[in-house]
Amino acid sequence: MKILIPVDPEIPVPPKLYGGVERLVDGLINAYVERGHEVVLLAHAESTNPKAKRYAWKNTSSRGLRNTLQNAFTLLRVYHLEKPDVIHSFGRLMYLYPTLMTSKVGFLMTYGRFISPKSTGLMSFLFGKRANFTAAAGHMLNHLQHYQHKFTPVYNFTLTDYFVPDDTVAKEHVMFLGRIEDIKGTKECIASALATHTKLIIAGNIQPGHDAYFAEHIKPHLEHPLIEYVGPVDDEQKKYYLQRSKAFLFPIKWEEPFGIVMAEAMACGTPVIAFKRGSVPEVVKDGETGYIVNDVPGMIDAIEKVDEIDRTVVRQDCEQRFSLAVIAEQYLDLLAQIKL
């Protein structure tokens, strides 16, 4: 197949620093091409993925009517130049309208965040079988009333050839990794670690507007020998700490769309202990790859028995469900069904 992949124009593919969607796209391009498909990428001008034929947006913003219209007609131009078999979109849904109205091509729109029932419903009404969607987890479809049948849950992948177990190192701490704010549950991790007398590594950035949360709930504990804040981490540091973790703690207080760091932890063989919110019941197999709990007392109990989890099973489950090879094949199966 010849697959056209548009991505929002703000961040290159692959990203130089942060860019969750762009990392996902970069990996999928590599997997698609390795399986014999041709990929055309429409993305930021500084994108460097070597396996795709690259086109650049004329601007670096997806905000505002002017940019939206310009981007939509850039996509139209690239479509008619390349004539792909199918579109796998990670950009704004609005960009697709001119192309769909002047062709018969089908598309797959991948969502990693909240899904608008209004916009996806309109697309489904106007373009019928040509309109197809994926969500990063099944729970994201709960609020869609009339068009759930148009969606297929496809999880995000993790790089299982990079995030690997290290059985030669001791597992002496538990870990929190993410934005330091209330909905991520950082203070609950501290309470659980102190109650179990377990070393806690806190890694992540302090989001703008959440300095008061850090000052009130996190900073006072940093003088305790069991609590260590290491700041934001890159992939190498992330792997280092996850490989040495007894458990990864994920006490979220919101409907997290997927939570890729859970899969990254599991790739390292590290069990996940998480609150029952968002994608957690889909990602964690309770009692097999970690524990699903409801509150801090539940997390305390889970930490105390986490050594009962077989880390080899955790790793194998990640390979079977969240590896790039598995996820790429799921997308390719869907794209083959959409292809005219």
Foldseek 3Di string as FASTA:
>chain_A
DEEEEEAQAAAAQVGPADDDVSPLVLLLLVLQVVVPYAYEYEYHPPHDNPRHNYDYQPDRDCDDPVSLVSLLVVVLVVCVVVVGLEYEYAYDPSSCVVNVVVDLHAYEYEDADADDLVVLVVVCVVNPLSYAYEFQADVSCPPRDPCPVRYDYFHAFDALVQQAADPVAAQQAEEEEEEPAPQQPPLLVVVLCVVQVGAYEYEEAHDPPRVVVCVPRPVVCCVPPRYHYPYHDDPVVLSVNLNNHQAYEGAGNAQRRHPCVCLSSLSNLHAYEYEPHHCVVVLHDDPERFHYDHGSVRSNVRSVCSVSHGSVRSNVVSVCRRHSNVSSVVVVVVRVVSGD
